[in-house]
C-alpha atoms as a PDB file:
ATOM      1  CA  MET A   1      58.040  31.213  90.217  1.00  0.00           C
ATOM      2  CA  ALA A   2      55.538  30.278  92.498  1.00  0.00           C
ATOM      3  CA  VAL A   3      52.287  31.426  92.463  1.00  0.00           C
ATOM      4  CA  GLU A   4      52.074  32.751  95.931  1.00  0.00           C
ATOM      5  CA  LYS A   5      55.533  34.366  95.605  1.00  0.00           C
ATOM      6  CA  LYS A   6      53.973  35.719  92.186  1.00  0.00           C
ATOM      7  CA  PHE A   7      50.683  37.335  94.218  1.00  0.00           C
ATOM      8  CA  ILE A   8      53.373  38.696  97.089  1.00  0.00           C
ATOM      9  CA  SER A   9      55.394  40.100  94.532  1.00  0.00           C
ATOM     10  CA  GLU A  10      52.404  42.118  92.399  1.00  0.00           C
ATOM     11  CA  GLY A  11      51.087  43.183  96.162  1.00  0.00           C
ATOM     12  CA  VAL A  12      54.691  44.306  97.054  1.00  0.00           C
ATOM     13  CA  ARG A  13      54.945  46.551  93.287  1.00  0.00           C
ATOM     14  CA  LYS A  14      51.225  48.057  93.963  1.00  0.00           C
ATOM     15  CA  ALA A  15      52.639  49.110  96.773  1.00  0.00           C
ATOM     16  CA  ARG A  16      55.614  50.976  95.913  1.00  0.00           C
ATOM     17  CA  VAL A  17      54.104  52.638  92.911  1.00  0.00           C
ATOM     18  CA  GLU A  18      51.484  54.089  94.823  1.00  0.00           C
ATOM     19  CA  LYS A  19      53.870  55.339  97.734  1.00  0.00           C
ATOM     20  CA  TYR A  20      55.936  56.645  94.523  1.00  0.00           C
ATOM     21  CA  LEU A  21      52.710  58.685  92.793  1.00  0.00           C
ATOM     22  CA  SER A  22      51.186  60.103  96.490  1.00  0.00           C
ATOM     23  CA  LYS A  23      54.629  61.609  96.805  1.00  0.00           C
ATOM     24  CA  GLU A  24      55.295  62.803  93.670  1.00  0.00           C
ATOM     25  CA  LEU A  25      51.435  64.050  93.005  1.00  0.00           C
ATOM     26  CA  LYS A  26      50.946  65.631  96.001  1.00  0.00           C
ATOM     27  CA  ARG A  27      50.193  68.775  94.756  1.00  0.00           C
ATOM     28  CA  ALA A  28      47.892  67.511  92.021  1.00  0.00           C
ATOM     29  CA  GLY A  29      45.173  66.361  94.560  1.00  0.00           C
ATOM     30  CA  TYR A  30      46.043  62.272  94.123  1.00  0.00           C
ATOM     31  CA  GLY A  31      42.538  60.219  94.794  1.00  0.00           C
ATOM     32  CA  GLY A  32      44.891  56.882  94.290  1.00  0.00           C
ATOM     33  CA  MET A  33      45.424  54.795  91.004  1.00  0.00           C
ATOM     34  CA  ASP A  34      44.415  51.627  89.603  1.00  0.00           C
ATOM     35  CA  ILE A  35      46.645  48.844  87.880  1.00  0.00           C
ATOM     36  CA  ALA A  36      45.314  46.237  85.490  1.00  0.00           C
ATOM     37  CA  ARG A  37      46.853  44.169  82.923  1.00  0.00           C
ATOM     38  CA  THR A  38      46.466  44.282  79.302  1.00  0.00           C
ATOM     39  CA  PRO A  39      47.508  42.952  75.807  1.00  0.00           C
ATOM     40  CA  LEU A  40      49.287  45.370  75.270  1.00  0.00           C
ATOM     41  CA  GLY A  41      51.264  46.086  78.864  1.00  0.00           C
ATOM     42  CA  THR A  42      49.993  47.546  81.897  1.00  0.00           C
ATOM     43  CA  GLN A  43      47.248  50.220  82.713  1.00  0.00           C
ATOM     44  CA  VAL A  44      47.650  52.668  84.970  1.00  0.00           C
ATOM     45  CA  THR A  45      44.719  54.860  85.991  1.00  0.00           C
ATOM     46  CA  ILE A  46      45.624  58.188  88.161  1.00  0.00           C
ATOM     47  CA  PHE A  47      42.462  59.719  89.531  1.00  0.00           C
ATOM     48  CA  ALA A  48      43.594  63.687  90.564  1.00  0.00           C
ATOM     49  CA  GLU A  49      41.728  66.324  91.306  1.00  0.00           C
ATOM     50  CA  LYS A  50      44.375  68.401  89.230  1.00  0.00           C
ATOM     51  CA  PRO A  51      44.487  66.247  86.147  1.00  0.00           C
ATOM     52  CA  GLY A  52      46.915  69.408  84.132  1.00  0.00           C
ATOM     53  CA  ILE A  53      49.564  69.251  87.054  1.00  0.00           C
ATOM     54  CA  VAL A  54      49.770  65.498  86.530  1.00  0.00           C
ATOM     55  CA  ILE A  55      49.918  65.665  82.924  1.00  0.00           C
ATOM     56  CA  GLY A  56      52.917  68.506  83.088  1.00  0.00           C
ATOM     57  CA  LYS A  57      53.593  71.615  80.364  1.00  0.00           C
ATOM     58  CA  GLY A  58      53.413  69.719  77.173  1.00  0.00           C
ATOM     59  CA  GLY A  59      53.501  66.269  78.855  1.00  0.00           C
ATOM     60  CA  LYS A  60      56.587  66.530  80.174  1.00  0.00           C
ATOM     61  CA  LEU A  61      55.785  64.899  84.027  1.00  0.00           C
ATOM     62  CA  VAL A  62      53.315  61.962  82.416  1.00  0.00           C
ATOM     63  CA  HIS A  63      56.332  61.028  80.248  1.00  0.00           C
ATOM     64  CA  GLN A  64      58.482  61.131  83.402  1.00  0.00           C
ATOM     65  CA  LEU A  65      56.131  59.112  85.609  1.00  0.00           C
ATOM     66  CA  THR A  66      56.397  56.410  82.682  1.00  0.00           C
ATOM     67  CA  GLN A  67      59.941  56.027  82.368  1.00  0.00           C
ATOM     68  CA  ASP A  68      60.429  55.516  86.341  1.00  0.00           C
ATOM     69  CA  LEU A  69      57.564  53.382  86.297  1.00  0.00           C
ATOM     70  CA  ALA A  70      59.257  51.263  83.858  1.00  0.00           C
ATOM     71  CA  GLN A  71      62.538  51.523  85.306  1.00  0.00           C
ATOM     72  CA  ASN A  72      62.449  52.117  88.698  1.00  0.00           C
ATOM     73  CA  TYR A  73      59.400  49.742  89.314  1.00  0.00           C
ATOM     74  CA  GLY A  74      59.182  46.767  87.352  1.00  0.00           C
ATOM     75  CA  VAL A  75      55.716  47.727  85.418  1.00  0.00           C
ATOM     76  CA  GLU A  76      55.990  46.115  82.322  1.00  0.00           C
ATOM     77  CA  SER A  77      54.799  48.871  79.309  1.00  0.00           C
ATOM     78  CA  PRO A  78      52.778  51.297  81.326  1.00  0.00           C
ATOM     79  CA  GLN A  79      50.288  53.269  79.929  1.00  0.00           C
ATOM     80  CA  ILE A  80      48.934  56.265  82.053  1.00  0.00           C
ATOM     81  CA  GLU A  81      45.593  57.865  82.137  1.00  0.00           C
ATOM     82  CA  VAL A  82      44.395  60.748  84.010  1.00  0.00           C
ATOM     83  CA  GLN A  83      41.201  60.781  84.763  1.00  0.00           C
ATOM     84  CA  GLN A  84      39.407  63.797  86.838  1.00  0.00           C
ATOM     85  CA  VAL A  85      37.718  63.528  90.148  1.00  0.00           C
ATOM     86  CA  THR A  86      34.161  64.467  89.803  1.00  0.00           C
ATOM     87  CA  ASN A  87      33.047  64.832  93.522  1.00  0.00           C
ATOM     88  CA  PRO A  88      36.531  65.460  95.984  1.00  0.00           C
ATOM     89  CA  SER A  89      34.612  64.818  98.780  1.00  0.00           C
ATOM     90  CA  PHE A  90      33.720  61.277  98.520  1.00  0.00           C
ATOM     91  CA  ASN A  91      37.712  60.402  97.599  1.00  0.00           C
ATOM     92  CA  ALA A  92      38.992  59.423 101.055  1.00  0.00           C
ATOM     93  CA  GLN A  93      42.599  59.869  99.928  1.00  0.00           C
ATOM     94  CA  ILE A  94      41.726  63.699  98.694  1.00  0.00           C
ATOM     95  CA  MET A  95      40.143  64.145 102.017  1.00  0.00           C
ATOM     96  CA  ALA A  96      43.389  62.424 103.907  1.00  0.00           C
ATOM     97  CA  GLU A  97      45.904  64.891 102.393  1.00  0.00           C
ATOM     98  CA  ARG A  98      43.820  67.475 103.074  1.00  0.00           C
ATOM     99  CA  LEU A  99      43.316  66.742 106.407  1.00  0.00           C
ATOM    100  CA  ALA A 100      46.918  66.091 107.092  1.00  0.00           C
ATOM    101  CA  ASN A 101      47.671  69.574 104.969  1.00  0.00           C
ATOM    102  CA  ALA A 102      45.751  71.497 107.583  1.00  0.00           C
ATOM    103  CA  LEU A 103      47.258  69.688 110.598  1.00  0.00           C
ATOM    104  CA  GLU A 104      50.498  70.600 109.243  1.00  0.00           C
ATOM    105  CA  ARG A 105      49.363  74.231 108.891  1.00  0.00           C
ATOM    106  CA  GLY A 106      48.733  74.600 112.530  1.00  0.00           C
ATOM    107  CA  TRP A 107      45.088  73.433 112.836  1.00  0.00           C
ATOM    108  CA  TYR A 108      43.411  71.563 116.207  1.00  0.00           C
ATOM    109  CA  PHE A 109      43.463  68.171 115.459  1.00  0.00           C
ATOM    110  CA  ARG A 110      39.347  68.476 116.985  1.00  0.00           C
ATOM    111  CA  LYS A 111      38.509  71.142 114.460  1.00  0.00           C
ATOM    112  CA  ALA A 112      40.081  69.537 111.601  1.00  0.00           C
ATOM    113  CA  GLY A 113      38.999  65.959 112.180  1.00  0.00           C
ATOM    114  CA  SER A 114      35.180  67.179 112.875  1.00  0.00           C
ATOM    115  CA  SER A 115      35.495  70.181 109.471  1.00  0.00           C
ATOM    116  CA  ILE A 116      36.203  67.230 107.604  1.00  0.00           C
ATOM    117  CA  MET A 117      33.715  64.720 108.483  1.00  0.00           C
ATOM    118  CA  ARG A 118      30.775  67.706 108.497  1.00  0.00           C
ATOM    119  CA  ARG A 119      32.435  68.836 104.746  1.00  0.00           C
ATOM    120  CA  VAL A 120      31.992  64.807 104.023  1.00  0.00           C
ATOM    121  CA  MET A 121      28.606  64.419 105.198  1.00  0.00           C
ATOM    122  CA  GLU A 122      26.981  67.698 103.787  1.00  0.00           C
ATOM    123  CA  SER A 123      28.140  66.081 100.452  1.00  0.00           C
ATOM    124  CA  GLY A 124      25.477  63.077 100.972  1.00  0.00           C
ATOM    125  CA  ALA A 125      27.453  60.371 101.922  1.00  0.00           C
ATOM    126  CA  LEU A 126      25.853  57.837 104.305  1.00  0.00           C
ATOM    127  CA  GLY A 127      28.815  57.628 107.057  1.00  0.00           C
ATOM    128  CA  CYS A 128      32.521  58.449 107.694  1.00  0.00           C
ATOM    129  CA  GLU A 129      35.025  58.081 110.001  1.00  0.00           C
ATOM    130  CA  VAL A 130      38.250  60.024 110.346  1.00  0.00           C
ATOM    131  CA  ILE A 131      41.080  58.526 113.011  1.00  0.00           C
ATOM    132  CA  ILE A 132      43.990  60.835 113.716  1.00  0.00           C
ATOM    133  CA  ALA A 133      46.722  59.306 115.689  1.00  0.00           C
ATOM    134  CA  GLY A 134      50.121  60.546 117.153  1.00  0.00           C
ATOM    135  CA  LYS A 135      51.322  62.894 119.393  1.00  0.00           C
ATOM    136  CA  LEU A 136      47.891  65.517 119.309  1.00  0.00           C
ATOM    137  CA  THR A 137      48.517  67.444 122.556  1.00  0.00           C
ATOM    138  CA  GLY A 138      51.640  66.454 124.433  1.00  0.00           C
ATOM    139  CA  ALA A 139      54.695  64.334 124.411  1.00  0.00           C
ATOM    140  CA  ARG A 140      52.507  60.280 124.580  1.00  0.00           C
ATOM    141  CA  ALA A 141      50.616  59.523 121.783  1.00  0.00           C
ATOM    142  CA  ARG A 142      47.178  59.105 121.322  1.00  0.00           C
ATOM    143  CA  THR A 143      44.340  58.452 118.875  1.00  0.00           C
ATOM    144  CA  GLN A 144      41.362  60.439 118.551  1.00  0.00           C
ATOM    145  CA  LYS A 145      38.316  59.301 116.441  1.00  0.00           C
ATOM    146  CA  PHE A 146      35.611  60.909 114.343  1.00  0.00           C
ATOM    147  CA  THR A 147      32.108  59.189 113.315  1.00  0.00           C
ATOM    148  CA  GLU A 148      29.109  59.436 111.881  1.00  0.00           C
ATOM    149  CA  GLY A 149      26.474  58.127 109.989  1.00  0.00           C
ATOM    150  CA  TYR A 150      26.803  54.345 108.955  1.00  0.00           C
ATOM    151  CA  ILE A 151      30.491  52.698 108.657  1.00  0.00           C
ATOM    152  CA  LYS A 152      30.477  49.016 108.636  1.00  0.00           C
ATOM    153  CA  HIS A 153      34.128  47.969 110.083  1.00  0.00           C
ATOM    154  CA  CYS A 154      34.676  44.036 109.291  1.00  0.00           C
ATOM    155  CA  GLY A 155      33.612  41.654 106.366  1.00  0.00           C
ATOM    156  CA  GLU A 156      33.151  42.155 103.221  1.00  0.00           C
ATOM    157  CA  PRO A 157      31.562  45.083 102.778  1.00  0.00           C
ATOM    158  CA  SER A 158      34.344  46.896 104.453  1.00  0.00           C
ATOM    159  CA  ASN A 159      36.284  45.576 101.818  1.00  0.00           C
ATOM    160  CA  THR A 160      34.416  46.364  98.470  1.00  0.00           C
ATOM    161  CA  ILE A 161      31.789  49.613 100.194  1.00  0.00           C
ATOM    162  CA  VAL A 162      33.723  51.486 102.578  1.00  0.00           C
ATOM    163  CA  VAL A 163      36.544  53.846 100.696  1.00  0.00           C
ATOM    164  CA  LYS A 164      39.621  54.445 102.696  1.00  0.00           C
ATOM    165  CA  GLY A 165      42.306  56.994 102.786  1.00  0.00           C
ATOM    166  CA  TYR A 166      45.433  57.320 104.483  1.00  0.00           C
ATOM    167  CA  ALA A 167      48.090  60.318 105.117  1.00  0.00           C
ATOM    168  CA  VAL A 168      50.862  61.564 107.262  1.00  0.00           C
ATOM    169  CA  ALA A 169      51.247  64.998 108.740  1.00  0.00           C
ATOM    170  CA  ILE A 170      54.994  65.949 109.672  1.00  0.00           C
ATOM    171  CA  LYS A 171      54.650  68.026 112.939  1.00  0.00           C
ATOM    172  CA  LYS A 172      57.404  69.255 115.096  1.00  0.00           C
ATOM    173  CA  LEU A 173      56.570  66.576 117.971  1.00  0.00           C
ATOM    174  CA  GLY A 174      56.546  63.890 115.730  1.00  0.00           C
ATOM    175  CA  VAL A 175      54.145  62.170 112.987  1.00  0.00           C
ATOM    176  CA  ILE A 176      50.976  62.140 112.799  1.00  0.00           C
ATOM    177  CA  GLY A 177      48.679  59.129 110.887  1.00  0.00           C
ATOM    178  CA  VAL A 178      45.147  60.428 109.192  1.00  0.00           C
ATOM    179  CA  GLN A 179      42.833  57.696 108.056  1.00  0.00           C
ATOM    180  CA  VAL A 180      39.531  58.335 106.489  1.00  0.00           C
ATOM    181  CA  LYS A 181      36.978  55.944 106.030  1.00  0.00           C
ATOM    182  CA  ILE A 182      33.732  57.271 103.733  1.00  0.00           C
ATOM    183  CA  VAL A 183      30.773  55.003 102.668  1.00  0.00           C
ATOM    184  CA  PRO A 184      29.508  56.881  99.413  1.00  0.00           C
ATOM    185  CA  ALA A 185      26.056  58.311  98.842  1.00  0.00           C
ATOM    186  CA  ASP A 186      25.186  55.551  96.111  1.00  0.00           C
ATOM    187  CA  ALA A 187      26.666  52.328  98.327  1.00  0.00           C
ATOM    188  CA  LYS A 188      24.388  49.486  98.462  1.00  0.00           C
ATOM    189  CA  MET A 189      24.209  47.659 101.602  1.00  0.00           C
ATOM    190  CA  PRO A 190      23.668  44.433 102.214  1.00  0.00           C
ATOM    191  CA  ASP A 191      21.143  44.672 104.841  1.00  0.00           C
ATOM    192  CA  HIS A 192      18.800  46.872 103.273  1.00  0.00           C
ATOM    193  CA  PHE A 193      16.283  45.562 101.153  1.00  0.00           C
ATOM    194  CA  THR A 194      12.866  46.880  99.849  1.00  0.00           C
ATOM    195  CA  ILE A 195       9.932  44.431 100.152  1.00  0.00           C
ATOM    196  CA  ILE A 196       7.763  44.220  96.920  1.00  0.00           C
ATOM    197  CA  GLU A 197       4.458  43.657  97.263  1.00  0.00           C
ATOM    198  CA  GLN A 198       2.668  40.799  94.880  1.00  0.00           C
ATOM    199  CA  GLU A 199      -0.075  41.524  92.828  1.00  0.00           C
ATOM    200  CA  LYS A 200      -2.797  39.561  93.672  1.00  0.00           C
ATOM    201  CA  LYS A 201      -4.746  37.677  90.788  1.00  0.00           C
ATOM    202  CA  ARG A 202      -8.596  37.577  90.291  1.00  0.00           C
ATOM    203  CA  ALA A 203     -10.518  34.922  90.080  1.00  0.00           C
ATOM    204  CA  GLU A 204     -11.531  33.970  86.960  1.00  0.00           C
ATOM    205  CA  PRO A 205     -15.809  33.476  87.336  1.00  0.00           C
ATOM    206  CA  LYS A 206     -16.413  29.298  86.692  1.00  0.00           C
ATOM    207  CA  ALA A 207     -18.084  28.282  83.219  1.00  0.00           C
ATOM    208  CA  THR A 208     -21.187  26.999  83.046  1.00  0.00           C
ATOM    209  CA  VAL A 209     -23.544  25.670  80.712  1.00  0.00           C
ATOM    210  CA  THR A 210     -25.555  29.242  79.717  1.00  0.00           C
ATOM    211  CA  ASP A 211     -22.381  30.567  79.339  1.00  0.00           C
ATOM    212  CA  ILE A 212     -21.292  28.036  76.383  1.00  0.00           C
ATOM    213  CA  GLY A 213     -24.026  28.501  74.875  1.00  0.00           C
ATOM    214  CA  ASP A 214     -26.323  25.319  75.246  1.00  0.00           C
ATOM    215  CA  THR A 215     -30.198  26.513  76.561  1.00  0.00           C
ATOM    216  CA  GLU A 216     -31.557  23.863  78.601  1.00  0.00           C
ATOM    217  CA  GLU A 217     -34.779  21.764  77.298  1.00  0.00           C
ATOM    218  CA  PRO A 218     -38.328  22.437  78.762  1.00  0.00           C
ATOM    219  CA  ALA A 219     -39.488  20.178  81.250  1.00  0.00           C
ATOM    220  CA  LEU A 220     -42.238  17.627  80.067  1.00  0.00           C
ATOM    221  CA  PRO A 221     -45.520  16.999  81.111  1.00  0.00           C
ATOM    222  CA  ASP A 222     -46.678  14.287  84.158  1.00  0.00           C
ATOM    223  CA  GLU A 223     -48.739  12.083  82.131  1.00  0.00           C
ATOM    224  CA  GLU A 224     -51.146  12.459  85.265  1.00  0.00           C
ATOM    225  CA  SER A 225     -51.645  16.166  84.437  1.00  0.00           C
ATOM    226  CA  VAL A 226     -52.698  15.678  80.222  1.00  0.00           C
ATOM    227  CA  GLU A 227     -56.345  15.991  79.931  1.00  0.00           C
ATOM    228  CA  VAL A 228     -57.912  13.560  77.654  1.00  0.00           C
ATOM    229  CA  ARG A 229     -60.312  14.931  75.536  1.00  0.00           C
END
């Protein structure tokens, strides 16, 4: 297999696994996953708000997830590890799922979007952006955007610093897409810098003849000034 086809197939597999886990672990507060190859197989790390639901009673659910990843999605020797999300307000995927659930329960889209953004910013985030797209108020689809703080939209910082989450709310009028972007509080911005003042070195005094230890010789009297007796 060519290198290009290998990268594409791995990207497709990762997208399918992401979609499967987000559907199966919706009740557990699914917050994303990470796949890494190890000498023993494939390490799959699942981030969730409620790890107990992911593991299941006696590890039944996590065992079922392991079998499905190996048989249906072609993951080689999957080893699932579950980690709890310490601060859900900084996890964009969890915030997007909560926003989608609020829209499905009948919340007005402006109130739901502004409340999610306010909660993220009150937690100490540097920036937050919420995008809601679909049939919000009528038969014509449109997009509503809520932004506060500092958000990067392009370049490498948008991929490395900005945390993104996506969810779907199913309503009677149609499907509403929800996207949440968060810049965490500990993010290091590339355009922020500090100037460190350099300490001025004191000028060392120059060495003199007296400092070295030599003493000046007394001046000899002139011959004319000598009195003859």
